[in-house]
Amino acid sequence: MAGAAAAQDLPRPLTDDDFIPFDMEQAAIGHQLFYDPILSGNHNIACAHCHHPDFGTSDGLSLGIGEGGQGLGPDRTPGTGADKIRKRIPRNSPGLWNLGAKELHTVFHDGRLSISDVYGNGFNSPAQEWLPEGLNSLLAAQALFPMTSQFEMAGNVAENEVTGAVHDRIDKGWPILAKRVRTDPRYGPAMVAAFDEIETTEEVSITQIANALAAFMAIEWQSTDSPFDQYLAGDSTALTPQQKNGMALFFGKADCASCHSGPLLSDQGFHALGLPPFGPGKTRPYDPYARDVGRVGESDRTEDAYRFRTPMLRNVAKTAPYGHNGAFPDLEGIIRHHLNPGESLAAWTPDMAALPKVPWLRSIDFIVWHDRLEMDRQRRKVDVAPLDLTDEQIASLVAFMHSLTGTTLDAPVFGAPDDFEP
């Protein structure tokens, strides 16, 4: 039986001091905006459709159904007629836990947004030098980009003024959305009251909107009270014997902590795991393949091909399915894949993916599997070595993953509004 991990191998506990302080009044506005389709090009999707607390702040799907879809979570449908979706969202919708952490410097599966002064505005982002000024955090910057994404929130070109403006240049859609918000009687006066730097509703910009969204997400989904956090803080009874065995494996033989390290349980680095590929892919503009090249799409370094960012793990048991494309429906599956990617890839079947049926996209969903050369490239690029663990040890690792679930998740600061319509 594995013993508890040595104290020197464990991260320090997370505390409130590890998080950026945000304003509660601004967060209250962000709460309403998060659940409001006002920030989408066609007024038909809110942030909450892909990041809902009922699904661990994700959506319960492998690849999401964005703008044009109907419903919520695994029951979401792809829409009908002219409004139907044109493409699945290329990557799994990540959970939003602890995104207000001071230590966090890189977000998105491919790391395309990070803290940097390369453009003189504090961030390396898809907006480059056109990112608006005054953003108070990495999380505020992150909040901007789903609004500009055609298939997430903006809508298809020629459908509305927002996506048309974004098609011209990424930053040109934000002023249109800001005007919607500041002229809405629910938001304009509240923004003026909450933000000291503005005195009239005419001054409300996308910056205040992004900062309000960041304040809400950071406050609502800060999680530091899991049994594991309690154990780190000195309560030796917070974990069950099986969870302690899993913790010892995680920080020992299983070598999980070589990537899931530090208080956030992520090195914020990029690693290739050889996950089963499917979906439309996400690659560089001049690459016509239906494949996902991962970090190389941002870095342009060939060694980064098929590498994806290490996710943080608080509340991971709530955020299924798993992987950058949601290839595995449960924790056991993704753990077994880490232990032997080649064997797992060979055994994987399409029915394991949580993909609502979209008949007009069926020919694309698994087309990459028919590209022998591309599949060979992905199989060869794996950064983890196979490791043998017993079924009992794997069960212990799963139990430890459950010990990362917060104990007060059912008592959020704000909660989903009663009038939210999925």
Protein backbone atom coordinates (compact mmCIF):
# COMPACT_ATOMS: atom_id res chain seq x y z
CA MET A 1 0.00 0.00 0.00
CA ALA A 2 1.37 3.41 -0.94
CA GLY A 3 1.94 5.78 1.93
CA ALA A 4 1.16 9.46 2.01
CA ALA A 5 3.33 11.66 -0.18
CA ALA A 6 6.28 13.21 1.59
CA ALA A 7 5.57 16.74 2.78
CA GLN A 8 8.36 18.16 0.66
CA ASP A 9 6.69 16.75 -2.46
CA LEU A 10 3.38 18.51 -1.87
CA PRO A 11 2.52 22.03 -2.99
CA ARG A 12 1.70 24.70 -0.46
CA PRO A 13 -2.02 25.26 0.13
CA LEU A 14 -3.91 27.86 -1.88
CA THR A 15 -5.13 30.83 0.14
CA ASP A 16 -7.05 34.02 -0.62
CA ASP A 17 -3.69 35.79 -0.93
CA ASP A 18 -3.00 33.78 -4.09
CA PHE A 19 -5.81 35.59 -5.94
CA ILE A 20 -6.20 39.02 -7.47
CA PRO A 21 -8.70 41.11 -5.50
CA PHE A 22 -11.74 42.12 -7.52
CA ASP A 23 -14.60 44.53 -6.85
CA MET A 24 -17.89 42.95 -5.80
CA GLU A 25 -20.03 45.67 -7.39
CA GLN A 26 -18.27 45.13 -10.71
CA ALA A 27 -18.68 41.37 -10.28
CA ALA A 28 -22.44 41.78 -9.85
CA ILE A 29 -22.59 43.44 -13.27
CA GLY A 30 -20.35 40.75 -14.74
CA HIS A 31 -22.68 38.13 -13.30
CA GLN A 32 -25.60 39.52 -15.29
CA LEU A 33 -23.54 39.94 -18.46
CA PHE A 34 -22.21 36.39 -18.23
CA TYR A 35 -25.74 34.99 -18.51
CA ASP A 36 -26.96 37.55 -21.06
CA PRO A 37 -26.85 36.97 -24.86
CA ILE A 38 -26.32 40.71 -25.34
CA LEU A 39 -22.60 40.03 -25.93
CA SER A 40 -23.22 37.75 -28.92
CA GLY A 41 -23.50 38.95 -32.48
CA ASN A 42 -26.97 37.54 -33.03
CA HIS A 43 -28.21 37.94 -29.42
CA ASN A 44 -28.58 34.16 -29.19
CA ILE A 45 -25.80 32.83 -26.94
CA ALA A 46 -24.31 33.83 -23.60
CA CYS A 47 -21.01 32.92 -21.97
CA ALA A 48 -23.00 30.58 -19.72
CA HIS A 49 -24.12 28.38 -22.61
CA CYS A 50 -20.60 26.95 -22.81
CA HIS A 51 -19.55 27.59 -19.19
CA HIS A 52 -22.42 26.67 -16.91
CA PRO A 53 -22.10 25.71 -13.24
CA ASP A 54 -24.37 22.71 -13.78
CA PHE A 55 -21.52 21.23 -15.84
CA GLY A 56 -18.59 22.32 -13.68
CA THR A 57 -18.36 25.66 -15.56
CA SER A 58 -17.97 23.76 -18.83
CA ASP A 59 -20.71 22.30 -21.06
CA GLY A 60 -20.52 18.52 -20.70
CA LEU A 61 -19.63 18.10 -24.39
CA SER A 62 -16.42 16.99 -26.08
CA LEU A 63 -16.68 19.79 -28.64
CA GLY A 64 -19.21 22.50 -27.96
CA ILE A 65 -22.11 23.77 -30.01
CA GLY A 66 -21.75 27.50 -30.16
CA GLU A 67 -23.61 30.32 -31.90
CA GLY A 68 -26.76 29.04 -33.58
CA GLY A 69 -27.28 26.09 -31.23
CA GLN A 70 -30.17 25.62 -28.85
CA GLY A 71 -30.36 24.27 -25.33
CA LEU A 72 -27.76 23.59 -22.67
CA GLY A 73 -25.13 20.98 -21.92
CA PRO A 74 -25.25 17.49 -23.45
CA ASP A 75 -28.82 18.21 -24.62
CA ARG A 76 -27.76 21.18 -26.73
CA THR A 77 -28.80 20.85 -30.36
CA PRO A 78 -27.17 22.38 -33.46
CA GLY A 79 -30.09 24.57 -34.53
CA THR A 80 -32.15 24.54 -37.67
CA GLY A 81 -32.53 26.34 -40.95
CA ALA A 82 -30.41 29.37 -41.69
CA ASP A 83 -29.47 29.68 -38.03
CA LYS A 84 -27.93 26.21 -37.69
CA ILE A 85 -24.27 25.90 -36.74
CA ARG A 86 -21.65 25.80 -39.48
CA LYS A 87 -18.95 24.14 -37.40
CA ARG A 88 -18.40 22.50 -34.05
CA ILE A 89 -16.25 24.44 -31.58
CA PRO A 90 -12.80 22.95 -32.29
CA ARG A 91 -11.77 22.40 -28.66
CA ASN A 92 -13.29 21.36 -25.37
CA SER A 93 -14.79 24.13 -23.27
CA PRO A 94 -12.47 24.46 -20.25
CA GLY A 95 -13.63 24.94 -16.68
CA LEU A 96 -13.27 28.41 -15.17
CA TRP A 97 -11.96 27.53 -11.73
CA ASN A 98 -9.29 29.73 -10.13
CA LEU A 99 -8.69 31.88 -13.19
CA GLY A 100 -8.16 34.87 -10.91
CA ALA A 101 -4.96 33.38 -9.49
CA LYS A 102 -2.00 35.78 -9.42
CA GLU A 103 0.35 33.00 -10.55
CA LEU A 104 -1.59 32.32 -13.75
CA HIS A 105 0.23 33.69 -16.78
CA THR A 106 -1.08 31.70 -19.77
CA VAL A 107 -4.57 30.57 -20.84
CA PHE A 108 -6.34 28.72 -23.66
CA HIS A 109 -5.41 25.20 -24.77
CA ASP A 110 -2.70 26.52 -27.10
CA GLY A 111 -1.57 29.38 -24.85
CA ARG A 112 -2.47 32.05 -27.36
CA LEU A 113 -3.07 34.54 -24.55
CA SER A 114 -0.37 35.24 -21.99
CA ILE A 115 1.06 37.98 -19.83
CA SER A 116 3.75 39.65 -21.90
CA ASP A 117 4.86 43.09 -23.02
CA VAL A 118 5.60 42.02 -26.57
CA TYR A 119 2.94 44.42 -27.89
CA GLY A 120 3.38 47.08 -25.23
CA ASN A 121 -0.04 46.46 -23.64
CA GLY A 122 0.77 43.76 -21.10
CA PHE A 123 -0.40 40.77 -23.13
CA ASN A 124 0.53 38.54 -26.02
CA SER A 125 -2.88 37.95 -27.58
CA PRO A 126 -4.64 37.34 -30.89
CA ALA A 127 -5.48 41.06 -30.88
CA GLN A 128 -1.78 41.96 -30.81
CA GLU A 129 -1.41 45.77 -30.60
CA TRP A 130 -5.19 46.28 -31.00
CA LEU A 131 -6.07 44.96 -27.55
CA PRO A 132 -7.96 47.66 -25.62
CA GLU A 133 -6.21 49.50 -22.81
CA GLY A 134 -7.17 49.30 -19.15
CA LEU A 135 -7.73 45.56 -18.79
CA ASN A 136 -7.08 44.71 -15.17
CA SER A 137 -6.09 41.05 -15.49
CA LEU A 138 -5.33 38.11 -17.74
CA LEU A 139 -8.88 36.94 -17.08
CA ALA A 140 -10.31 40.21 -18.38
CA ALA A 141 -8.29 39.85 -21.57
CA GLN A 142 -9.47 36.26 -21.95
CA ALA A 143 -13.10 37.31 -21.66
CA LEU A 144 -12.84 39.36 -24.86
CA PHE A 145 -12.06 36.63 -27.35
CA PRO A 146 -15.17 34.40 -27.37
CA MET A 147 -17.05 37.56 -28.43
CA THR A 148 -14.92 37.83 -31.57
CA SER A 149 -15.08 34.13 -32.50
CA GLN A 150 -17.37 33.42 -35.44
CA PHE A 151 -18.51 30.03 -34.23
CA GLU A 152 -18.58 30.79 -30.51
CA MET A 153 -20.45 34.08 -30.11
CA ALA A 154 -19.96 36.48 -33.05
CA GLY A 155 -21.93 34.64 -35.72
CA ASN A 156 -21.25 34.08 -39.38
CA VAL A 157 -19.98 36.80 -41.68
CA ALA A 158 -22.82 38.98 -43.07
CA GLU A 159 -25.24 37.88 -40.35
CA ASN A 160 -24.73 40.90 -38.09
CA GLU A 161 -22.66 44.03 -37.66
CA VAL A 162 -20.42 42.55 -34.96
CA THR A 163 -19.04 39.66 -36.98
CA GLY A 164 -18.75 41.89 -40.04
CA ALA A 165 -16.60 44.31 -38.07
CA VAL A 166 -14.48 41.52 -36.60
CA HIS A 167 -13.93 40.14 -40.09
CA ASP A 168 -12.36 43.49 -40.97
CA ARG A 169 -10.15 43.54 -37.85
CA ILE A 170 -10.47 41.71 -34.55
CA ASP A 171 -10.93 44.80 -32.38
CA LYS A 172 -13.65 46.48 -34.43
CA GLY A 173 -16.51 44.40 -33.06
CA TRP A 174 -15.93 45.34 -29.42
CA PRO A 175 -17.18 48.97 -29.69
CA ILE A 176 -20.45 47.70 -31.16
CA LEU A 177 -20.97 45.37 -28.21
CA ALA A 178 -19.98 48.12 -25.78
CA LYS A 179 -22.62 50.43 -27.25
CA ARG A 180 -25.26 47.75 -26.74
CA VAL A 181 -24.30 47.48 -23.08
CA ARG A 182 -23.97 51.17 -22.23
CA THR A 183 -27.31 52.03 -23.86
CA ASP A 184 -29.10 49.27 -21.98
CA PRO A 185 -30.77 50.76 -18.87
CA ARG A 186 -29.84 47.66 -16.87
CA TYR A 187 -26.13 48.16 -17.44
CA GLY A 188 -25.18 51.73 -18.35
CA PRO A 189 -25.90 53.47 -15.02
CA ALA A 190 -24.65 50.45 -13.05
CA MET A 191 -21.33 50.60 -14.92
CA VAL A 192 -20.91 54.29 -14.12
CA ALA A 193 -21.57 53.59 -10.44
CA ALA A 194 -19.16 50.64 -10.30
CA PHE A 195 -16.17 52.03 -12.22
CA ASP A 196 -14.40 55.10 -10.87
CA GLU A 197 -12.67 55.93 -14.16
CA ILE A 198 -15.92 56.75 -15.98
CA GLU A 199 -18.51 59.44 -15.20
CA THR A 200 -21.11 58.97 -17.94
CA THR A 201 -22.65 56.02 -19.75
CA GLU A 202 -21.08 57.27 -22.99
CA GLU A 203 -17.68 56.38 -21.52
CA VAL A 204 -18.51 52.71 -20.99
CA SER A 205 -16.22 50.66 -23.23
CA ILE A 206 -15.37 47.02 -23.78
CA THR A 207 -12.71 47.46 -21.08
CA GLN A 208 -15.28 47.89 -18.31
CA ILE A 209 -17.29 45.00 -19.71
CA ALA A 210 -14.27 42.69 -19.71
CA ASN A 211 -13.20 43.81 -16.23
CA ALA A 212 -16.73 43.18 -14.91
CA LEU A 213 -16.79 39.68 -16.43
CA ALA A 214 -13.37 38.96 -14.93
CA ALA A 215 -14.49 40.13 -11.50
CA PHE A 216 -17.50 37.83 -11.62
CA MET A 217 -15.64 34.74 -12.83
CA ALA A 218 -12.77 35.23 -10.39
CA ILE A 219 -15.03 35.68 -7.35
CA GLU A 220 -17.69 33.14 -8.29
CA TRP A 221 -15.32 30.30 -9.14
CA GLN A 222 -12.44 30.66 -6.72
CA SER A 223 -11.96 27.24 -5.16
CA THR A 224 -9.59 26.62 -2.25
CA ASP A 225 -11.58 24.45 0.16
CA SER A 226 -11.33 20.94 -1.29
CA PRO A 227 -10.38 18.05 1.02
CA PHE A 228 -6.92 18.18 -0.57
CA ASP A 229 -6.61 21.86 0.32
CA GLN A 230 -7.73 21.06 3.85
CA TYR A 231 -5.09 18.32 4.03
CA LEU A 232 -2.39 20.72 2.84
CA ALA A 233 -3.50 23.17 5.51
CA GLY A 234 -2.85 20.57 8.20
CA ASP A 235 -5.99 18.43 8.52
CA SER A 236 -4.62 14.90 8.17
CA THR A 237 -8.16 13.46 8.37
CA ALA A 238 -9.44 15.39 5.32
CA LEU A 239 -8.50 12.58 2.89
CA THR A 240 -9.63 8.96 2.93
CA PRO A 241 -6.98 6.22 2.95
CA GLN A 242 -7.64 5.57 -0.75
CA GLN A 243 -7.26 9.28 -1.55
CA LYS A 244 -3.99 9.38 0.38
CA ASN A 245 -2.76 6.43 -1.65
CA GLY A 246 -3.75 8.26 -4.84
CA MET A 247 -1.98 11.40 -3.64
CA ALA A 248 1.19 9.41 -3.00
CA LEU A 249 1.01 8.00 -6.53
CA PHE A 250 0.25 11.43 -8.02
CA PHE A 251 3.31 13.01 -6.42
CA GLY A 252 5.39 9.84 -6.68
CA LYS A 253 5.41 6.79 -8.94
CA ALA A 254 2.74 8.00 -11.37
CA ASP A 255 4.74 11.22 -11.93
CA CYS A 256 1.58 13.30 -12.46
CA ALA A 257 3.13 16.21 -10.58
CA SER A 258 5.90 16.62 -13.13
CA CYS A 259 3.29 18.55 -15.15
CA HIS A 260 0.49 19.13 -12.64
CA SER A 261 2.77 20.96 -10.24
CA GLY A 262 2.59 23.84 -7.80
CA PRO A 263 -0.41 25.19 -5.91
CA LEU A 264 -2.52 25.41 -9.10
CA LEU A 265 -1.58 21.82 -10.07
CA SER A 266 -0.34 22.99 -13.47
CA ASP A 267 3.09 23.89 -14.80
CA GLN A 268 1.27 26.09 -17.34
CA GLY A 269 3.43 24.35 -19.93
CA PHE A 270 2.59 22.37 -23.06
CA HIS A 271 2.78 18.63 -23.58
CA ALA A 272 1.80 16.14 -26.31
CA LEU A 273 -0.33 13.23 -25.12
CA GLY A 274 -1.43 11.69 -28.40
CA LEU A 275 -5.13 12.15 -27.68
CA PRO A 276 -7.54 10.65 -30.23
CA PRO A 277 -8.19 13.42 -32.78
CA PHE A 278 -11.55 14.41 -34.18
CA GLY A 279 -13.61 17.43 -35.08
CA PRO A 280 -12.85 20.37 -37.38
CA GLY A 281 -9.42 20.96 -35.89
CA LYS A 282 -7.76 24.25 -35.08
CA THR A 283 -4.68 25.16 -37.00
CA ARG A 284 -2.97 28.04 -38.77
CA PRO A 285 -4.88 29.98 -41.48
CA TYR A 286 -2.80 28.61 -44.33
CA ASP A 287 -3.12 24.98 -43.18
CA PRO A 288 -6.22 23.34 -44.77
CA TYR A 289 -6.14 20.17 -42.65
CA ALA A 290 -8.99 19.19 -40.32
CA ARG A 291 -6.52 18.65 -37.51
CA ASP A 292 -5.40 20.36 -34.32
CA VAL A 293 -1.70 21.21 -34.26
CA GLY A 294 -1.81 22.59 -30.72
CA ARG A 295 0.81 24.99 -29.41
CA VAL A 296 2.69 25.25 -32.71
CA GLY A 297 -0.21 27.29 -34.07
CA GLU A 298 0.79 30.03 -31.64
CA SER A 299 4.55 29.55 -31.27
CA ASP A 300 5.46 28.53 -34.85
CA ARG A 301 8.05 26.17 -33.34
CA THR A 302 7.81 22.73 -34.88
CA GLU A 303 8.74 21.07 -31.59
CA ASP A 304 5.45 22.40 -30.17
CA ALA A 305 3.30 20.43 -32.62
CA TYR A 306 0.39 18.61 -30.91
CA ARG A 307 1.27 20.02 -27.50
CA PHE A 308 -1.47 21.46 -25.30
CA ARG A 309 -1.50 23.40 -22.07
CA THR A 310 -1.53 21.50 -18.78
CA PRO A 311 -4.94 22.15 -17.17
CA MET A 312 -5.38 23.08 -13.53
CA LEU A 313 -7.15 20.37 -11.57
CA ARG A 314 -9.35 21.92 -8.87
CA ASN A 315 -12.89 20.50 -9.34
CA VAL A 316 -11.69 18.33 -12.23
CA ALA A 317 -14.23 15.64 -11.30
CA LYS A 318 -16.96 18.11 -12.28
CA THR A 319 -15.63 19.04 -15.72
CA ALA A 320 -15.96 15.87 -17.83
CA PRO A 321 -15.23 15.03 -20.61
CA TYR A 322 -11.44 15.29 -20.56
CA GLY A 323 -8.61 16.32 -22.85
CA HIS A 324 -8.25 19.36 -25.12
CA ASN A 325 -10.98 17.86 -27.29
CA GLY A 326 -12.92 16.02 -24.61
CA ALA A 327 -11.94 12.61 -25.96
CA PHE A 328 -12.49 10.72 -22.70
CA PRO A 329 -15.79 10.67 -20.82
CA ASP A 330 -14.39 9.93 -17.37
CA LEU A 331 -11.33 10.34 -15.17
CA GLU A 332 -10.34 6.70 -15.40
CA GLY A 333 -10.16 6.95 -19.19
CA ILE A 334 -7.95 10.02 -19.28
CA ILE A 335 -5.68 8.62 -16.55
CA ARG A 336 -5.25 5.35 -18.44
CA HIS A 337 -4.44 7.32 -21.58
CA HIS A 338 -1.67 9.18 -19.75
CA LEU A 339 -0.23 5.83 -18.65
CA ASN A 340 -0.08 4.39 -22.18
CA PRO A 341 -1.09 6.82 -24.95
CA GLY A 342 -0.36 4.42 -27.81
CA GLU A 343 -2.41 1.58 -26.40
CA SER A 344 -5.22 3.94 -25.43
CA LEU A 345 -5.35 5.54 -28.88
CA ALA A 346 -5.57 2.14 -30.53
CA ALA A 347 -8.48 1.14 -28.29
CA TRP A 348 -10.41 4.40 -28.52
CA THR A 349 -13.74 4.40 -30.40
CA PRO A 350 -15.78 7.37 -31.68
CA ASP A 351 -18.73 6.57 -29.45
CA MET A 352 -16.60 7.68 -26.48
CA ALA A 353 -16.84 11.29 -27.67
CA ALA A 354 -19.76 13.38 -26.42
CA LEU A 355 -20.78 14.83 -29.78
CA PRO A 356 -24.43 15.72 -30.35
CA LYS A 357 -25.45 14.54 -33.80
CA VAL A 358 -24.98 17.12 -36.52
CA PRO A 359 -25.77 15.33 -39.81
CA TRP A 360 -24.28 18.02 -42.05
CA LEU A 361 -20.95 17.79 -40.21
CA ARG A 362 -20.75 13.98 -40.06
CA SER A 363 -18.27 13.77 -42.95
CA ILE A 364 -15.84 16.08 -41.15
CA ASP A 365 -16.05 14.81 -37.57
CA PHE A 366 -13.61 11.92 -38.01
CA ILE A 367 -12.01 12.67 -41.37
CA VAL A 368 -8.56 12.98 -39.79
CA TRP A 369 -8.59 9.22 -39.07
CA HIS A 370 -8.44 8.58 -42.82
CA ASP A 371 -5.23 10.59 -43.18
CA ARG A 372 -2.57 7.96 -42.54
CA LEU A 373 0.36 10.39 -42.57
CA GLU A 374 -1.30 12.80 -40.15
CA MET A 375 -2.26 10.00 -37.77
CA ASP A 376 1.31 8.71 -37.87
CA ARG A 377 2.60 12.19 -37.02
CA GLN A 378 0.29 12.42 -34.05
CA ARG A 379 1.12 8.94 -32.80
CA ARG A 380 4.85 9.70 -32.90
CA LYS A 381 4.57 12.97 -30.98
CA VAL A 382 4.04 11.91 -27.38
CA ASP A 383 5.86 13.47 -24.44
CA VAL A 384 5.01 10.89 -21.77
CA ALA A 385 6.50 7.43 -21.35
CA PRO A 386 4.26 4.38 -20.72
CA LEU A 387 3.87 3.38 -17.07
CA ASP A 388 2.30 0.27 -15.57
CA LEU A 389 -0.15 0.76 -12.71
CA THR A 390 -2.60 -1.73 -11.28
CA ASP A 391 -6.36 -1.26 -11.45
CA GLU A 392 -6.29 -0.60 -7.70
CA GLN A 393 -3.70 2.15 -8.15
CA ILE A 394 -5.69 3.75 -10.95
CA ALA A 395 -8.79 3.69 -8.74
CA SER A 396 -6.76 5.45 -6.04
CA LEU A 397 -5.73 8.15 -8.49
CA VAL A 398 -9.38 8.66 -9.46
CA ALA A 399 -10.27 8.93 -5.76
CA PHE A 400 -7.57 11.57 -5.32
CA MET A 401 -8.97 13.53 -8.26
CA HIS A 402 -12.31 13.61 -6.41
CA SER A 403 -10.55 15.01 -3.35
CA LEU A 404 -9.84 18.14 -5.42
CA THR A 405 -13.55 19.03 -5.50
CA GLY A 406 -14.47 22.05 -3.40
CA THR A 407 -16.72 21.46 -0.41
CA THR A 408 -18.82 24.61 -0.87
CA LEU A 409 -19.60 24.44 -4.60
CA ASP A 410 -23.32 24.38 -3.84
CA ALA A 411 -23.13 27.81 -2.20
CA PRO A 412 -21.79 30.16 -4.90
CA VAL A 413 -21.58 33.90 -4.30
CA PHE A 414 -24.02 34.67 -7.12
CA GLY A 415 -25.37 31.49 -8.72
CA ALA A 416 -27.20 31.16 -12.04
CA PRO A 417 -30.01 33.73 -12.46
CA ASP A 418 -33.53 32.35 -12.25
CA ASP A 419 -34.42 33.96 -15.57
CA PHE A 420 -31.55 32.43 -17.58
CA GLU A 421 -33.01 30.74 -20.65
CA PRO A 422 -30.87 28.01 -22.17
